[in-house]
Amino acid sequence: MSLVIIGEAATKVMDRYPEFTAQNPQIPWRSMRGMRNRIAHGYFDINLDVVWETVQVALPELLTVLPTEQN
């Protein structure tokens, strides 16, 4: 799974469905967009420890929240 793609998707949801993002503050929309921007444009400024923690901790947490929001 690509963190850049997740960030792009979060950005599109934020732009197109602001009411949905406002109703679901437990999903870290801005953080996902920010991670995408740092990876896509940060080049040598990327903190690999933060990326690793995101993959190991934040992403699994996100995956447990998203299925409940499909309804």
PDB file of N, CA and C in Angstrom:
ATOM      1  N   MET A   1       0.851  -1.172   0.000  1.00  0.00           N
ATOM      2  CA  MET A   1       0.000   0.000   0.000  1.00  0.00           C
ATOM      3  C   MET A   1       0.898   1.237   0.000  1.00  0.00           C
ATOM      4  N   SER A   2       0.559   2.172  -0.784  1.00  0.00           N
ATOM      5  CA  SER A   2       1.386   3.365  -0.905  1.00  0.00           C
ATOM      6  C   SER A   2       0.834   4.503  -0.043  1.00  0.00           C
ATOM      7  N   LEU A   3       1.690   5.058   0.793  1.00  0.00           N
ATOM      8  CA  LEU A   3       1.275   6.184   1.621  1.00  0.00           C
ATOM      9  C   LEU A   3       0.947   7.409   0.774  1.00  0.00           C
ATOM     10  N   VAL A   4       1.578   7.516  -0.375  1.00  0.00           N
ATOM     11  CA  VAL A   4       1.281   8.629  -1.279  1.00  0.00           C
ATOM     12  C   VAL A   4      -0.141   8.495  -1.816  1.00  0.00           C
ATOM     13  N   ILE A   5      -0.523   7.305  -2.204  1.00  0.00           N
ATOM     14  CA  ILE A   5      -1.878   7.079  -2.730  1.00  0.00           C
ATOM     15  C   ILE A   5      -2.917   7.314  -1.640  1.00  0.00           C
ATOM     16  N   ILE A   6      -2.634   6.859  -0.429  1.00  0.00           N
ATOM     17  CA  ILE A   6      -3.553   7.101   0.684  1.00  0.00           C
ATOM     18  C   ILE A   6      -3.710   8.605   0.909  1.00  0.00           C
ATOM     19  N   GLY A   7      -2.614   9.334   0.861  1.00  0.00           N
ATOM     20  CA  GLY A   7      -2.674  10.787   1.025  1.00  0.00           C
ATOM     21  C   GLY A   7      -3.444  11.472  -0.082  1.00  0.00           C
ATOM     22  N   GLU A   8      -3.266  10.999  -1.304  1.00  0.00           N
ATOM     23  CA  GLU A   8      -4.029  11.555  -2.436  1.00  0.00           C
ATOM     24  C   GLU A   8      -5.519  11.305  -2.243  1.00  0.00           C
ATOM     25  N   ALA A   9      -5.863  10.096  -1.821  1.00  0.00           N
ATOM     26  CA  ALA A   9      -7.271   9.768  -1.598  1.00  0.00           C
ATOM     27  C   ALA A   9      -7.855  10.634  -0.483  1.00  0.00           C
ATOM     28  N   ALA A  10      -7.106  10.818   0.592  1.00  0.00           N
ATOM     29  CA  ALA A  10      -7.577  11.664   1.690  1.00  0.00           C
ATOM     30  C   ALA A  10      -7.805  13.093   1.212  1.00  0.00           C
ATOM     31  N   THR A  11      -6.909  13.590   0.390  1.00  0.00           N
ATOM     32  CA  THR A  11      -7.050  14.945  -0.147  1.00  0.00           C
ATOM     33  C   THR A  11      -8.308  15.068  -0.991  1.00  0.00           C
ATOM     34  N   LYS A  12      -8.560  14.085  -1.838  1.00  0.00           N
ATOM     35  CA  LYS A  12      -9.755  14.126  -2.688  1.00  0.00           C
ATOM     36  C   LYS A  12     -11.029  14.077  -1.847  1.00  0.00           C
ATOM     37  N   VAL A  13     -11.048  13.237  -0.817  1.00  0.00           N
ATOM     38  CA  VAL A  13     -12.219  13.172   0.059  1.00  0.00           C
ATOM     39  C   VAL A  13     -12.409  14.510   0.771  1.00  0.00           C
ATOM     40  N   MET A  14     -11.318  15.084   1.274  1.00  0.00           N
ATOM     41  CA  MET A  14     -11.409  16.377   1.964  1.00  0.00           C
ATOM     42  C   MET A  14     -11.936  17.472   1.040  1.00  0.00           C
ATOM     43  N   ASP A  15     -11.484  17.468  -0.202  1.00  0.00           N
ATOM     44  CA  ASP A  15     -11.892  18.501  -1.155  1.00  0.00           C
ATOM     45  C   ASP A  15     -13.323  18.311  -1.642  1.00  0.00           C
ATOM     46  N   ARG A  16     -13.698  17.077  -1.902  1.00  0.00           N
ATOM     47  CA  ARG A  16     -15.006  16.810  -2.519  1.00  0.00           C
ATOM     48  C   ARG A  16     -16.131  16.586  -1.515  1.00  0.00           C
ATOM     49  N   TYR A  17     -15.788  16.117  -0.321  1.00  0.00           N
ATOM     50  CA  TYR A  17     -16.808  15.774   0.675  1.00  0.00           C
ATOM     51  C   TYR A  17     -16.445  16.360   2.040  1.00  0.00           C
ATOM     52  N   PRO A  18     -16.363  17.681   2.139  1.00  0.00           N
ATOM     53  CA  PRO A  18     -15.948  18.284   3.415  1.00  0.00           C
ATOM     54  C   PRO A  18     -16.881  17.938   4.572  1.00  0.00           C
ATOM     55  N   GLU A  19     -18.154  17.741   4.284  1.00  0.00           N
ATOM     56  CA  GLU A  19     -19.087  17.377   5.354  1.00  0.00           C
ATOM     57  C   GLU A  19     -18.764  15.987   5.901  1.00  0.00           C
ATOM     58  N   PHE A  20     -18.333  15.078   5.033  1.00  0.00           N
ATOM     59  CA  PHE A  20     -17.963  13.733   5.477  1.00  0.00           C
ATOM     60  C   PHE A  20     -16.728  13.783   6.364  1.00  0.00           C
ATOM     61  N   THR A  21     -15.737  14.563   5.965  1.00  0.00           N
ATOM     62  CA  THR A  21     -14.527  14.650   6.782  1.00  0.00           C
ATOM     63  C   THR A  21     -14.827  15.325   8.122  1.00  0.00           C
ATOM     64  N   ALA A  22     -15.712  16.311   8.121  1.00  0.00           N
ATOM     65  CA  ALA A  22     -16.084  16.970   9.377  1.00  0.00           C
ATOM     66  C   ALA A  22     -16.828  16.016  10.303  1.00  0.00           C
ATOM     67  N   GLN A  23     -17.613  15.116   9.730  1.00  0.00           N
ATOM     68  CA  GLN A  23     -18.369  14.147  10.521  1.00  0.00           C
ATOM     69  C   GLN A  23     -17.508  12.981  10.999  1.00  0.00           C
ATOM     70  N   ASN A  24     -16.295  12.882  10.505  1.00  0.00           N
ATOM     71  CA  ASN A  24     -15.409  11.773  10.863  1.00  0.00           C
ATOM     72  C   ASN A  24     -14.042  12.289  11.314  1.00  0.00           C
ATOM     73  N   PRO A  25     -14.024  13.039  12.415  1.00  0.00           N
ATOM     74  CA  PRO A  25     -12.758  13.615  12.878  1.00  0.00           C
ATOM     75  C   PRO A  25     -11.780  12.580  13.425  1.00  0.00           C
ATOM     76  N   GLN A  26     -12.242  11.369  13.686  1.00  0.00           N
ATOM     77  CA  GLN A  26     -11.354  10.320  14.188  1.00  0.00           C
ATOM     78  C   GLN A  26     -10.390   9.824  13.109  1.00  0.00           C
ATOM     79  N   ILE A  27     -10.663  10.161  11.866  1.00  0.00           N
ATOM     80  CA  ILE A  27      -9.769   9.804  10.765  1.00  0.00           C
ATOM     81  C   ILE A  27      -8.809  10.974  10.554  1.00  0.00           C
ATOM     82  N   PRO A  28      -7.512  10.719  10.564  1.00  0.00           N
ATOM     83  CA  PRO A  28      -6.528  11.809  10.483  1.00  0.00           C
ATOM     84  C   PRO A  28      -6.328  12.334   9.057  1.00  0.00           C
ATOM     85  N   TRP A  29      -7.345  12.984   8.529  1.00  0.00           N
ATOM     86  CA  TRP A  29      -7.329  13.455   7.144  1.00  0.00           C
ATOM     87  C   TRP A  29      -6.122  14.330   6.846  1.00  0.00           C
ATOM     88  N   ARG A  30      -5.903  15.349   7.646  1.00  0.00           N
ATOM     89  CA  ARG A  30      -4.809  16.293   7.397  1.00  0.00           C
ATOM     90  C   ARG A  30      -3.441  15.627   7.553  1.00  0.00           C
ATOM     91  N   SER A  31      -3.342  14.717   8.492  1.00  0.00           N
ATOM     92  CA  SER A  31      -2.070  14.004   8.669  1.00  0.00           C
ATOM     93  C   SER A  31      -1.757  13.133   7.460  1.00  0.00           C
ATOM     94  N   MET A  32      -2.789  12.499   6.904  1.00  0.00           N
ATOM     95  CA  MET A  32      -2.570  11.662   5.717  1.00  0.00           C
ATOM     96  C   MET A  32      -2.128  12.523   4.541  1.00  0.00           C
ATOM     97  N   ARG A  33      -2.774  13.670   4.382  1.00  0.00           N
ATOM     98  CA  ARG A  33      -2.380  14.583   3.313  1.00  0.00           C
ATOM     99  C   ARG A  33      -0.959  15.104   3.548  1.00  0.00           C
ATOM    100  N   GLY A  34      -0.654  15.440   4.785  1.00  0.00           N
ATOM    101  CA  GLY A  34       0.674  15.941   5.108  1.00  0.00           C
ATOM    102  C   GLY A  34       1.765  14.913   4.857  1.00  0.00           C
ATOM    103  N   MET A  35       1.496  13.656   5.203  1.00  0.00           N
ATOM    104  CA  MET A  35       2.470  12.592   4.960  1.00  0.00           C
ATOM    105  C   MET A  35       2.711  12.452   3.464  1.00  0.00           C
ATOM    106  N   ARG A  36       1.661  12.508   2.686  1.00  0.00           N
ATOM    107  CA  ARG A  36       1.793  12.412   1.232  1.00  0.00           C
ATOM    108  C   ARG A  36       2.679  13.532   0.705  1.00  0.00           C
ATOM    109  N   ASN A  37       2.421  14.745   1.177  1.00  0.00           N
ATOM    110  CA  ASN A  37       3.202  15.887   0.706  1.00  0.00           C
ATOM    111  C   ASN A  37       4.672  15.766   1.087  1.00  0.00           C
ATOM    112  N   ARG A  38       4.930  15.313   2.298  1.00  0.00           N
ATOM    113  CA  ARG A  38       6.326  15.157   2.722  1.00  0.00           C
ATOM    114  C   ARG A  38       7.036  14.092   1.906  1.00  0.00           C
ATOM    115  N   ILE A  39       6.355  12.977   1.646  1.00  0.00           N
ATOM    116  CA  ILE A  39       6.987  11.907   0.862  1.00  0.00           C
ATOM    117  C   ILE A  39       7.174  12.352  -0.585  1.00  0.00           C
ATOM    118  N   ALA A  40       6.144  12.970  -1.159  1.00  0.00           N
ATOM    119  CA  ALA A  40       6.200  13.342  -2.572  1.00  0.00           C
ATOM    120  C   ALA A  40       7.161  14.491  -2.848  1.00  0.00           C
ATOM    121  N   HIS A  41       7.310  15.404  -1.894  1.00  0.00           N
ATOM    122  CA  HIS A  41       8.097  16.604  -2.155  1.00  0.00           C
ATOM    123  C   HIS A  41       9.289  16.794  -1.223  1.00  0.00           C
ATOM    124  N   GLY A  42       9.381  15.977  -0.182  1.00  0.00           N
ATOM    125  CA  GLY A  42      10.427  16.176   0.809  1.00  0.00           C
ATOM    126  C   GLY A  42      11.782  15.637   0.424  1.00  0.00           C
ATOM    127  N   TYR A  43      11.792  14.620  -0.438  1.00  0.00           N
ATOM    128  CA  TYR A  43      13.032  14.019  -0.901  1.00  0.00           C
ATOM    129  C   TYR A  43      13.942  13.658   0.262  1.00  0.00           C
ATOM    130  N   PHE A  44      14.961  14.451   0.543  1.00  0.00           N
ATOM    131  CA  PHE A  44      15.945  14.096   1.560  1.00  0.00           C
ATOM    132  C   PHE A  44      15.527  14.502   2.969  1.00  0.00           C
ATOM    133  N   ASP A  45      14.414  15.181   3.094  1.00  0.00           N
ATOM    134  CA  ASP A  45      13.947  15.621   4.408  1.00  0.00           C
ATOM    135  C   ASP A  45      12.971  14.649   5.048  1.00  0.00           C
ATOM    136  N   ILE A  46      12.784  13.495   4.467  1.00  0.00           N
ATOM    137  CA  ILE A  46      11.834  12.520   4.982  1.00  0.00           C
ATOM    138  C   ILE A  46      12.428  11.860   6.221  1.00  0.00           C
ATOM    139  N   ASN A  47      11.665  11.870   7.305  1.00  0.00           N
ATOM    140  CA  ASN A  47      12.080  11.215   8.536  1.00  0.00           C
ATOM    141  C   ASN A  47      11.622   9.759   8.460  1.00  0.00           C
ATOM    142  N   LEU A  48      12.549   8.867   8.218  1.00  0.00           N
ATOM    143  CA  LEU A  48      12.203   7.459   8.029  1.00  0.00           C
ATOM    144  C   LEU A  48      11.629   6.830   9.288  1.00  0.00           C
ATOM    145  N   ASP A  49      11.990   7.337  10.456  1.00  0.00           N
ATOM    146  CA  ASP A  49      11.399   6.827  11.696  1.00  0.00           C
ATOM    147  C   ASP A  49       9.902   7.127  11.744  1.00  0.00           C
ATOM    148  N   VAL A  50       9.519   8.310  11.279  1.00  0.00           N
ATOM    149  CA  VAL A  50       8.102   8.678  11.245  1.00  0.00           C
ATOM    150  C   VAL A  50       7.361   7.817  10.232  1.00  0.00           C
ATOM    151  N   VAL A  51       7.959   7.590   9.079  1.00  0.00           N
ATOM    152  CA  VAL A  51       7.332   6.733   8.067  1.00  0.00           C
ATOM    153  C   VAL A  51       7.157   5.325   8.624  1.00  0.00           C
ATOM    154  N   TRP A  52       8.189   4.808   9.279  1.00  0.00           N
ATOM    155  CA  TRP A  52       8.115   3.453   9.832  1.00  0.00           C
ATOM    156  C   TRP A  52       7.024   3.357  10.897  1.00  0.00           C
ATOM    157  N   GLU A  53       6.950   4.342  11.783  1.00  0.00           N
ATOM    158  CA  GLU A  53       5.908   4.333  12.811  1.00  0.00           C
ATOM    159  C   GLU A  53       4.522   4.428  12.176  1.00  0.00           C
ATOM    160  N   THR A  54       4.407   5.213  11.129  1.00  0.00           N
ATOM    161  CA  THR A  54       3.133   5.318  10.423  1.00  0.00           C
ATOM    162  C   THR A  54       2.707   3.967   9.876  1.00  0.00           C
ATOM    163  N   VAL A  55       3.631   3.271   9.248  1.00  0.00           N
ATOM    164  CA  VAL A  55       3.327   1.966   8.652  1.00  0.00           C
ATOM    165  C   VAL A  55       3.020   0.932   9.735  1.00  0.00           C
ATOM    166  N   GLN A  56       3.750   0.972  10.831  1.00  0.00           N
ATOM    167  CA  GLN A  56       3.601  -0.036  11.872  1.00  0.00           C
ATOM    168  C   GLN A  56       2.452   0.236  12.841  1.00  0.00           C
ATOM    169  N   VAL A  57       2.129   1.509  13.079  1.00  0.00           N
ATOM    170  CA  VAL A  57       1.142   1.852  14.102  1.00  0.00           C
ATOM    171  C   VAL A  57      -0.085   2.552  13.514  1.00  0.00           C
ATOM    172  N   ALA A  58       0.129   3.681  12.859  1.00  0.00           N
ATOM    173  CA  ALA A  58      -0.997   4.504  12.408  1.00  0.00           C
ATOM    174  C   ALA A  58      -1.818   3.841  11.310  1.00  0.00           C
ATOM    175  N   LEU A  59      -1.155   3.197  10.374  1.00  0.00           N
ATOM    176  CA  LEU A  59      -1.887   2.554   9.278  1.00  0.00           C
ATOM    177  C   LEU A  59      -2.772   1.411   9.771  1.00  0.00           C
ATOM    178  N   PRO A  60      -2.277   0.509  10.626  1.00  0.00           N
ATOM    179  CA  PRO A  60      -3.175  -0.523  11.159  1.00  0.00           C
ATOM    180  C   PRO A  60      -4.351   0.062  11.941  1.00  0.00           C
ATOM    181  N   GLU A  61      -4.115   1.141  12.691  1.00  0.00           N
ATOM    182  CA  GLU A  61      -5.213   1.795  13.404  1.00  0.00           C
ATOM    183  C   GLU A  61      -6.236   2.355  12.423  1.00  0.00           C
ATOM    184  N   LEU A  62      -5.762   2.974  11.362  1.00  0.00           N
ATOM    185  CA  LEU A  62      -6.654   3.519  10.338  1.00  0.00           C
ATOM    186  C   LEU A  62      -7.491   2.413   9.709  1.00  0.00           C
ATOM    187  N   LEU A  63      -6.874   1.289   9.442  1.00  0.00           N
ATOM    188  CA  LEU A  63      -7.590   0.175   8.816  1.00  0.00           C
ATOM    189  C   LEU A  63      -8.678  -0.395   9.720  1.00  0.00           C
ATOM    190  N   THR A  64      -8.549  -0.240  11.031  1.00  0.00           N
ATOM    191  CA  THR A  64      -9.619  -0.706  11.922  1.00  0.00           C
ATOM    192  C   THR A  64     -10.777   0.277  11.968  1.00  0.00           C
ATOM    193  N   VAL A  65     -10.520   1.556  11.706  1.00  0.00           N
ATOM    194  CA  VAL A  65     -11.567   2.584  11.749  1.00  0.00           C
ATOM    195  C   VAL A  65     -12.347   2.640  10.447  1.00  0.00           C
ATOM    196  N   LEU A  66     -11.684   2.514   9.318  1.00  0.00           N
ATOM    197  CA  LEU A  66     -12.337   2.708   8.020  1.00  0.00           C
ATOM    198  C   LEU A  66     -13.525   1.790   7.751  1.00  0.00           C
ATOM    199  N   PRO A  67     -13.457   0.493   8.049  1.00  0.00           N
ATOM    200  CA  PRO A  67     -14.630  -0.343   7.751  1.00  0.00           C
ATOM    201  C   PRO A  67     -15.891   0.119   8.469  1.00  0.00           C
ATOM    202  N   THR A  68     -15.770   0.709   9.645  1.00  0.00           N
ATOM    203  CA  THR A  68     -16.952   1.175  10.364  1.00  0.00           C
ATOM    204  C   THR A  68     -17.558   2.409   9.717  1.00  0.00           C
ATOM    205  N   GLU A  69     -16.802   3.102   8.883  1.00  0.00           N
ATOM    206  CA  GLU A  69     -17.276   4.326   8.245  1.00  0.00           C
ATOM    207  C   GLU A  69     -17.904   4.076   6.875  1.00  0.00           C
ATOM    208  N   GLN A  70     -17.930   2.843   6.422  1.00  0.00           N
ATOM    209  CA  GLN A  70     -18.482   2.549   5.099  1.00  0.00           C
ATOM    210  C   GLN A  70     -19.993   2.653   5.066  1.00  0.00           C
ATOM    211  N   ASN A  71     -20.628   2.502   6.194  1.00  0.00           N
ATOM    212  CA  ASN A  71     -22.094   2.521   6.222  1.00  0.00           C
ATOM    213  C   ASN A  71     -22.556   3.899   6.249  1.00  0.00           C
TER     214      ASN A  71
END
